[in-house]
Amino acid sequence: MRNAFTELFSADIRQKMIKESCARSYPQLPAEEREKADRFLREDDRLRFITGRLMIRKAAAEKAGIGAPEILLTGYGKPYIAGADGFNFNLSHSGDLVVLAVSGSPVGVDIERNDPIEWREISAAFGAKEREMLENADEPLKCFYRIWTVREAFAKAIGTGLQLFDDEQPDIDYDRGTVNYRGRTMYTVSREWDGYTLSLCSAAPLGDRDLSLKEMFGQQPE
């Protein structure tokens, strides 16, 4: 896989084929993954978890020729496949959608359904420039979700949680699509559609990349 290679895949858990695929695949999941799936109280949460695992394994087989990989977790809870050099991936889900980013470089993705929330309290954790963006935004809720997803995607790309920013805020240029943090530069791009906001962050320049989602199991979202 080339370092600049990046693709986005999605799955809608409302689709009948997704539910059927999860039901068929459940018995073949590793025991620890079945146990985790069984701990979810809500069926939608269970579907999102199983769908994400199926997407990772499908991408690993099709993009990197890795069959039946063991999916491990870092200390920060980020999934990875041991020994899969050059195959980087990241998952995110919100509402009915599960999204998988696959890249030859470290990558993070975050998708959020744009539900009405009290964004002012949450934005207290943002940097000064971001809070100013929100105060001046014509549509502050949309602006909030863009900021939130960019920050989340960056934190996932470098493999940490957002708590890392408690000590030092990343320098994010939302116009140029760059993130500078502790001497490291990452690249980001965002998209809004159908009530969702998605942001992608990568160690490789993204340019004006089209954030089109390839439906992994069926119809592609608008």
C-alpha atoms as a PDB file:
ATOM      1  CA  MET A   1       0.000   0.000   0.000  1.00  0.00           C
ATOM      2  CA  ARG A   2       1.317   3.445  -0.916  1.00  0.00           C
ATOM      3  CA  ASN A   3       1.790   5.946   1.886  1.00  0.00           C
ATOM      4  CA  ALA A   4      -0.666   8.384   0.290  1.00  0.00           C
ATOM      5  CA  PHE A   5      -3.340   5.739  -0.213  1.00  0.00           C
ATOM      6  CA  THR A   6      -6.503   6.570   1.715  1.00  0.00           C
ATOM      7  CA  GLU A   7     -10.033   5.242   1.286  1.00  0.00           C
ATOM      8  CA  LEU A   8     -13.250   5.618   3.243  1.00  0.00           C
ATOM      9  CA  PHE A   9     -15.868   2.907   3.586  1.00  0.00           C
ATOM     10  CA  SER A  10     -19.262   3.002   5.264  1.00  0.00           C
ATOM     11  CA  ALA A  11     -22.050   0.688   6.366  1.00  0.00           C
ATOM     12  CA  ASP A  12     -25.611   1.552   7.399  1.00  0.00           C
ATOM     13  CA  ILE A  13     -26.810  -0.717  10.194  1.00  0.00           C
ATOM     14  CA  ARG A  14     -30.437  -0.165   9.131  1.00  0.00           C
ATOM     15  CA  GLN A  15     -29.857  -2.212   5.992  1.00  0.00           C
ATOM     16  CA  LYS A  16     -31.216  -5.732   6.028  1.00  0.00           C
ATOM     17  CA  MET A  17     -28.031  -7.128   4.483  1.00  0.00           C
ATOM     18  CA  ILE A  18     -25.955  -5.675   7.322  1.00  0.00           C
ATOM     19  CA  LYS A  19     -28.141  -7.275   9.973  1.00  0.00           C
ATOM     20  CA  GLU A  20     -28.066 -10.608   8.140  1.00  0.00           C
ATOM     21  CA  SER A  21     -24.284 -10.436   7.699  1.00  0.00           C
ATOM     22  CA  CYS A  22     -23.802  -9.728  11.408  1.00  0.00           C
ATOM     23  CA  ALA A  23     -26.026 -12.666  12.336  1.00  0.00           C
ATOM     24  CA  ARG A  24     -24.158 -15.031   9.993  1.00  0.00           C
ATOM     25  CA  SER A  25     -20.714 -13.853  11.074  1.00  0.00           C
ATOM     26  CA  TYR A  26     -21.287 -13.747  14.822  1.00  0.00           C
ATOM     27  CA  PRO A  27     -20.447 -17.474  15.430  1.00  0.00           C
ATOM     28  CA  GLN A  28     -17.103 -17.040  13.600  1.00  0.00           C
ATOM     29  CA  LEU A  29     -15.970 -14.071  15.690  1.00  0.00           C
ATOM     30  CA  PRO A  30     -13.195 -14.669  18.232  1.00  0.00           C
ATOM     31  CA  ALA A  31     -14.567 -15.549  21.667  1.00  0.00           C
ATOM     32  CA  GLU A  32     -13.562 -12.224  23.228  1.00  0.00           C
ATOM     33  CA  GLU A  33     -15.361 -10.307  20.463  1.00  0.00           C
ATOM     34  CA  ARG A  34     -18.526 -12.389  20.915  1.00  0.00           C
ATOM     35  CA  GLU A  35     -18.371 -11.715  24.648  1.00  0.00           C
ATOM     36  CA  LYS A  36     -18.027  -7.983  24.054  1.00  0.00           C
ATOM     37  CA  ALA A  37     -20.898  -8.001  21.560  1.00  0.00           C
ATOM     38  CA  ASP A  38     -23.079  -9.807  24.091  1.00  0.00           C
ATOM     39  CA  ARG A  39     -22.425  -7.152  26.728  1.00  0.00           C
ATOM     40  CA  PHE A  40     -24.157  -4.439  24.703  1.00  0.00           C
ATOM     41  CA  LEU A  41     -27.663  -3.799  26.002  1.00  0.00           C
ATOM     42  CA  ARG A  42     -28.914  -2.063  22.843  1.00  0.00           C
ATOM     43  CA  GLU A  43     -29.147  -4.003  19.587  1.00  0.00           C
ATOM     44  CA  ASP A  44     -27.903  -0.995  17.575  1.00  0.00           C
ATOM     45  CA  ASP A  45     -24.723  -0.857  19.657  1.00  0.00           C
ATOM     46  CA  ARG A  46     -24.198  -4.567  19.104  1.00  0.00           C
ATOM     47  CA  LEU A  47     -24.697  -4.144  15.343  1.00  0.00           C
ATOM     48  CA  ARG A  48     -22.253  -1.242  15.200  1.00  0.00           C
ATOM     49  CA  PHE A  49     -19.578  -3.259  17.002  1.00  0.00           C
ATOM     50  CA  ILE A  50     -19.924  -6.397  14.874  1.00  0.00           C
ATOM     51  CA  THR A  51     -20.197  -4.375  11.658  1.00  0.00           C
ATOM     52  CA  GLY A  52     -16.979  -2.551  12.498  1.00  0.00           C
ATOM     53  CA  ARG A  53     -15.116  -5.806  13.045  1.00  0.00           C
ATOM     54  CA  LEU A  54     -16.421  -7.207   9.748  1.00  0.00           C
ATOM     55  CA  MET A  55     -15.365  -4.050   7.909  1.00  0.00           C
ATOM     56  CA  ILE A  56     -11.833  -4.200   9.324  1.00  0.00           C
ATOM     57  CA  ARG A  57     -11.386  -7.837   8.322  1.00  0.00           C
ATOM     58  CA  LYS A  58     -12.876  -7.308   4.854  1.00  0.00           C
ATOM     59  CA  ALA A  59     -10.574  -4.344   4.203  1.00  0.00           C
ATOM     60  CA  ALA A  60      -7.541  -6.209   5.553  1.00  0.00           C
ATOM     61  CA  ALA A  61      -8.222  -9.116   3.182  1.00  0.00           C
ATOM     62  CA  GLU A  62      -9.011  -7.007   0.109  1.00  0.00           C
ATOM     63  CA  LYS A  63      -6.481  -4.195   0.539  1.00  0.00           C
ATOM     64  CA  ALA A  64      -3.558  -5.919   2.227  1.00  0.00           C
ATOM     65  CA  GLY A  65      -4.098  -9.632   1.614  1.00  0.00           C
ATOM     66  CA  ILE A  66      -4.354 -10.329   5.347  1.00  0.00           C
ATOM     67  CA  GLY A  67      -6.669 -13.233   6.070  1.00  0.00           C
ATOM     68  CA  ALA A  68      -8.447 -13.717   9.426  1.00  0.00           C
ATOM     69  CA  PRO A  69      -6.389 -11.121  11.313  1.00  0.00           C
ATOM     70  CA  GLU A  70      -6.423 -10.801  15.071  1.00  0.00           C
ATOM     71  CA  ILE A  71      -7.653  -7.321  15.968  1.00  0.00           C
ATOM     72  CA  LEU A  72      -5.802  -5.960  19.004  1.00  0.00           C
ATOM     73  CA  LEU A  73      -6.194  -2.762  21.025  1.00  0.00           C
ATOM     74  CA  THR A  74      -3.583  -0.213  22.021  1.00  0.00           C
ATOM     75  CA  GLY A  75      -3.452   1.145  25.556  1.00  0.00           C
ATOM     76  CA  TYR A  76      -5.708   3.960  24.365  1.00  0.00           C
ATOM     77  CA  GLY A  77      -8.239   1.497  22.932  1.00  0.00           C
ATOM     78  CA  LYS A  78      -7.366   2.010  19.246  1.00  0.00           C
ATOM     79  CA  PRO A  79      -7.773  -1.178  17.174  1.00  0.00           C
ATOM     80  CA  TYR A  80      -4.782  -2.400  15.164  1.00  0.00           C
ATOM     81  CA  ILE A  81      -3.500  -5.551  13.484  1.00  0.00           C
ATOM     82  CA  ALA A  82      -0.088  -6.752  14.654  1.00  0.00           C
ATOM     83  CA  GLY A  83       2.500  -7.080  11.888  1.00  0.00           C
ATOM     84  CA  ALA A  84       0.321  -5.388   9.273  1.00  0.00           C
ATOM     85  CA  ASP A  85       2.948  -2.888   8.144  1.00  0.00           C
ATOM     86  CA  GLY A  86       1.525  -0.286   5.786  1.00  0.00           C
ATOM     87  CA  PHE A  87      -2.079  -1.157   6.604  1.00  0.00           C
ATOM     88  CA  ASN A  88      -3.458   1.585   8.825  1.00  0.00           C
ATOM     89  CA  PHE A  89      -7.123   1.893   9.653  1.00  0.00           C
ATOM     90  CA  ASN A  90      -9.512   3.637  11.972  1.00  0.00           C
ATOM     91  CA  LEU A  91     -13.201   3.224  12.798  1.00  0.00           C
ATOM     92  CA  SER A  92     -15.906   5.640  13.820  1.00  0.00           C
ATOM     93  CA  HIS A  93     -19.660   5.374  14.196  1.00  0.00           C
ATOM     94  CA  SER A  94     -22.581   7.629  14.915  1.00  0.00           C
ATOM     95  CA  GLY A  95     -26.293   7.203  14.447  1.00  0.00           C
ATOM     96  CA  ASP A  96     -26.858   4.522  11.810  1.00  0.00           C
ATOM     97  CA  LEU A  97     -23.445   4.761  10.139  1.00  0.00           C
ATOM     98  CA  VAL A  98     -20.167   2.937  10.723  1.00  0.00           C
ATOM     99  CA  VAL A  99     -17.179   4.414   8.874  1.00  0.00           C
ATOM    100  CA  LEU A 100     -13.767   2.860   8.221  1.00  0.00           C
ATOM    101  CA  ALA A 101     -10.722   4.774   6.980  1.00  0.00           C
ATOM    102  CA  VAL A 102      -7.917   2.712   5.405  1.00  0.00           C
ATOM    103  CA  SER A 103      -4.519   4.208   4.562  1.00  0.00           C
ATOM    104  CA  GLY A 104      -0.865   3.552   3.998  1.00  0.00           C
ATOM    105  CA  SER A 105      -0.141   6.241   6.619  1.00  0.00           C
ATOM    106  CA  PRO A 106      -1.383   6.757  10.188  1.00  0.00           C
ATOM    107  CA  VAL A 107      -5.013   7.810   9.902  1.00  0.00           C
ATOM    108  CA  GLY A 108      -7.937   8.834  12.074  1.00  0.00           C
ATOM    109  CA  VAL A 109     -11.589   9.372  11.234  1.00  0.00           C
ATOM    110  CA  ASP A 110     -14.550  10.693  13.157  1.00  0.00           C
ATOM    111  CA  ILE A 111     -18.195  10.921  12.154  1.00  0.00           C
ATOM    112  CA  GLU A 112     -20.889  12.600  14.210  1.00  0.00           C
ATOM    113  CA  ARG A 113     -24.613  12.952  13.607  1.00  0.00           C
ATOM    114  CA  ASN A 114     -25.438  16.638  13.957  1.00  0.00           C
ATOM    115  CA  ASP A 115     -27.880  16.277  16.824  1.00  0.00           C
ATOM    116  CA  PRO A 116     -28.841  19.447  18.726  1.00  0.00           C
ATOM    117  CA  ILE A 117     -26.668  19.732  21.833  1.00  0.00           C
ATOM    118  CA  GLU A 118     -25.543  22.377  24.297  1.00  0.00           C
ATOM    119  CA  TRP A 119     -22.249  23.017  22.539  1.00  0.00           C
ATOM    120  CA  ARG A 120     -21.117  25.992  24.628  1.00  0.00           C
ATOM    121  CA  GLU A 121     -20.289  23.903  27.697  1.00  0.00           C
ATOM    122  CA  ILE A 122     -18.412  21.291  25.673  1.00  0.00           C
ATOM    123  CA  SER A 123     -16.484  23.919  23.707  1.00  0.00           C
ATOM    124  CA  ALA A 124     -14.836  25.122  26.925  1.00  0.00           C
ATOM    125  CA  ALA A 125     -12.236  22.409  26.245  1.00  0.00           C
ATOM    126  CA  PHE A 126     -11.390  23.910  22.830  1.00  0.00           C
ATOM    127  CA  GLY A 127      -8.553  26.287  22.078  1.00  0.00           C
ATOM    128  CA  ALA A 128      -9.028  30.059  22.019  1.00  0.00           C
ATOM    129  CA  LYS A 129      -9.094  30.214  18.189  1.00  0.00           C
ATOM    130  CA  GLU A 130     -11.763  27.540  18.039  1.00  0.00           C
ATOM    131  CA  ARG A 131     -13.950  29.254  20.603  1.00  0.00           C
ATOM    132  CA  GLU A 132     -13.654  32.452  18.578  1.00  0.00           C
ATOM    133  CA  MET A 133     -14.682  30.529  15.439  1.00  0.00           C
ATOM    134  CA  LEU A 134     -17.794  29.335  17.235  1.00  0.00           C
ATOM    135  CA  GLU A 135     -18.738  32.779  18.504  1.00  0.00           C
ATOM    136  CA  ASN A 136     -18.460  34.235  14.985  1.00  0.00           C
ATOM    137  CA  ALA A 137     -20.099  31.333  13.132  1.00  0.00           C
ATOM    138  CA  ASP A 138     -23.380  31.845  11.272  1.00  0.00           C
ATOM    139  CA  GLU A 139     -24.280  28.232  12.095  1.00  0.00           C
ATOM    140  CA  PRO A 140     -22.500  27.484  15.377  1.00  0.00           C
ATOM    141  CA  LEU A 141     -23.801  23.914  15.680  1.00  0.00           C
ATOM    142  CA  LYS A 142     -22.304  22.943  12.307  1.00  0.00           C
ATOM    143  CA  CYS A 143     -19.113  24.760  13.234  1.00  0.00           C
ATOM    144  CA  PHE A 144     -18.989  22.886  16.546  1.00  0.00           C
ATOM    145  CA  TYR A 145     -19.270  19.494  14.858  1.00  0.00           C
ATOM    146  CA  ARG A 146     -16.535  20.350  12.396  1.00  0.00           C
ATOM    147  CA  ILE A 147     -14.193  21.368  15.204  1.00  0.00           C
ATOM    148  CA  TRP A 148     -15.118  18.343  17.293  1.00  0.00           C
ATOM    149  CA  THR A 149     -14.619  15.813  14.494  1.00  0.00           C
ATOM    150  CA  VAL A 150     -11.297  17.321  13.398  1.00  0.00           C
ATOM    151  CA  ARG A 151      -9.954  17.193  16.951  1.00  0.00           C
ATOM    152  CA  GLU A 152     -11.222  13.651  17.444  1.00  0.00           C
ATOM    153  CA  ALA A 153      -9.844  12.435  14.089  1.00  0.00           C
ATOM    154  CA  PHE A 154      -6.443  13.941  14.907  1.00  0.00           C
ATOM    155  CA  ALA A 155      -6.343  12.354  18.359  1.00  0.00           C
ATOM    156  CA  LYS A 156      -7.201   8.989  16.803  1.00  0.00           C
ATOM    157  CA  ALA A 157      -4.623   9.393  14.029  1.00  0.00           C
ATOM    158  CA  ILE A 158      -1.806   9.860  16.548  1.00  0.00           C
ATOM    159  CA  GLY A 159      -3.257   7.072  18.670  1.00  0.00           C
ATOM    160  CA  THR A 160      -4.217   8.918  21.829  1.00  0.00           C
ATOM    161  CA  GLY A 161      -7.313  10.161  23.537  1.00  0.00           C
ATOM    162  CA  LEU A 162      -8.521  13.743  23.661  1.00  0.00           C
ATOM    163  CA  GLN A 163      -7.307  13.942  27.259  1.00  0.00           C
ATOM    164  CA  LEU A 164      -3.821  14.526  25.832  1.00  0.00           C
ATOM    165  CA  PHE A 165      -4.936  18.056  24.934  1.00  0.00           C
ATOM    166  CA  ASP A 166      -5.472  18.940  28.586  1.00  0.00           C
ATOM    167  CA  ASP A 167      -1.821  20.009  28.773  1.00  0.00           C
ATOM    168  CA  GLU A 168      -1.333  21.511  25.310  1.00  0.00           C
ATOM    169  CA  GLN A 169      -3.795  22.444  22.567  1.00  0.00           C
ATOM    170  CA  PRO A 170      -3.039  21.401  18.961  1.00  0.00           C
ATOM    171  CA  ASP A 171      -2.591  24.254  16.466  1.00  0.00           C
ATOM    172  CA  ILE A 172      -5.307  23.522  13.895  1.00  0.00           C
ATOM    173  CA  ASP A 173      -5.597  25.589  10.716  1.00  0.00           C
ATOM    174  CA  TYR A 174      -9.127  24.828   9.534  1.00  0.00           C
ATOM    175  CA  ASP A 175      -8.663  26.754   6.281  1.00  0.00           C
ATOM    176  CA  ARG A 176      -5.442  25.035   5.216  1.00  0.00           C
ATOM    177  CA  GLY A 177      -6.346  21.656   6.704  1.00  0.00           C
ATOM    178  CA  THR A 178      -3.253  21.210   8.865  1.00  0.00           C
ATOM    179  CA  VAL A 179      -2.684  20.262  12.489  1.00  0.00           C
ATOM    180  CA  ASN A 180       0.605  21.043  14.248  1.00  0.00           C
ATOM    181  CA  TYR A 181       1.268  19.445  17.596  1.00  0.00           C
ATOM    182  CA  ARG A 182       4.556  18.982  19.439  1.00  0.00           C
ATOM    183  CA  GLY A 183       6.639  19.316  16.278  1.00  0.00           C
ATOM    184  CA  ARG A 184       4.424  17.021  14.214  1.00  0.00           C
ATOM    185  CA  THR A 185       2.234  18.047  11.255  1.00  0.00           C
ATOM    186  CA  MET A 186      -0.882  16.156  10.216  1.00  0.00           C
ATOM    187  CA  TYR A 187      -3.439  16.887   7.508  1.00  0.00           C
ATOM    188  CA  THR A 188      -7.196  17.020   7.743  1.00  0.00           C
ATOM    189  CA  VAL A 189     -10.288  17.424   5.586  1.00  0.00           C
ATOM    190  CA  SER A 190     -13.984  17.539   6.510  1.00  0.00           C
ATOM    191  CA  ARG A 191     -17.345  16.975   4.874  1.00  0.00           C
ATOM    192  CA  GLU A 192     -20.991  17.495   5.815  1.00  0.00           C
ATOM    193  CA  TRP A 193     -23.870  15.540   4.350  1.00  0.00           C
ATOM    194  CA  ASP A 194     -27.321  14.313   5.278  1.00  0.00           C
ATOM    195  CA  GLY A 195     -27.145  15.487   8.883  1.00  0.00           C
ATOM    196  CA  TYR A 196     -23.641  14.146   9.583  1.00  0.00           C
ATOM    197  CA  THR A 197     -20.181  15.672   9.787  1.00  0.00           C
ATOM    198  CA  LEU A 198     -17.104  13.578   8.986  1.00  0.00           C
ATOM    199  CA  SER A 199     -13.445  14.521   9.371  1.00  0.00           C
ATOM    200  CA  LEU A 200     -10.393  12.594   8.224  1.00  0.00           C
ATOM    201  CA  CYS A 201      -6.856  13.144   9.508  1.00  0.00           C
ATOM    202  CA  SER A 202      -3.725  11.608   8.030  1.00  0.00           C
ATOM    203  CA  ALA A 203       0.031  11.799   8.271  1.00  0.00           C
ATOM    204  CA  ALA A 204       0.052  12.120   4.459  1.00  0.00           C
ATOM    205  CA  PRO A 205      -1.144  15.323   2.709  1.00  0.00           C
ATOM    206  CA  LEU A 206      -4.782  15.019   1.675  1.00  0.00           C
ATOM    207  CA  GLY A 207      -5.076  18.047  -0.610  1.00  0.00           C
ATOM    208  CA  ASP A 208      -8.594  18.533  -1.947  1.00  0.00           C
ATOM    209  CA  ARG A 209      -9.470  14.888  -1.434  1.00  0.00           C
ATOM    210  CA  ASP A 210     -13.079  13.985  -2.167  1.00  0.00           C
ATOM    211  CA  LEU A 211     -14.507  12.440   0.973  1.00  0.00           C
ATOM    212  CA  SER A 212     -16.791  10.087  -0.887  1.00  0.00           C
ATOM    213  CA  LEU A 213     -17.822   7.040   1.095  1.00  0.00           C
ATOM    214  CA  LYS A 214     -17.680   3.630  -0.537  1.00  0.00           C
ATOM    215  CA  GLU A 215     -20.439   1.486   0.866  1.00  0.00           C
ATOM    216  CA  MET A 216     -18.706  -1.735   1.880  1.00  0.00           C
ATOM    217  CA  PHE A 217     -21.759  -3.976   1.710  1.00  0.00           C
ATOM    218  CA  GLY A 218     -24.344  -2.204  -0.445  1.00  0.00           C
ATOM    219  CA  GLN A 219     -25.755   1.116  -1.583  1.00  0.00           C
ATOM    220  CA  GLN A 220     -23.530   4.187  -1.361  1.00  0.00           C
ATOM    221  CA  PRO A 221     -24.804   7.115   0.737  1.00  0.00           C
ATOM    222  CA  GLU A 222     -25.764  10.316  -1.058  1.00  0.00           C
END
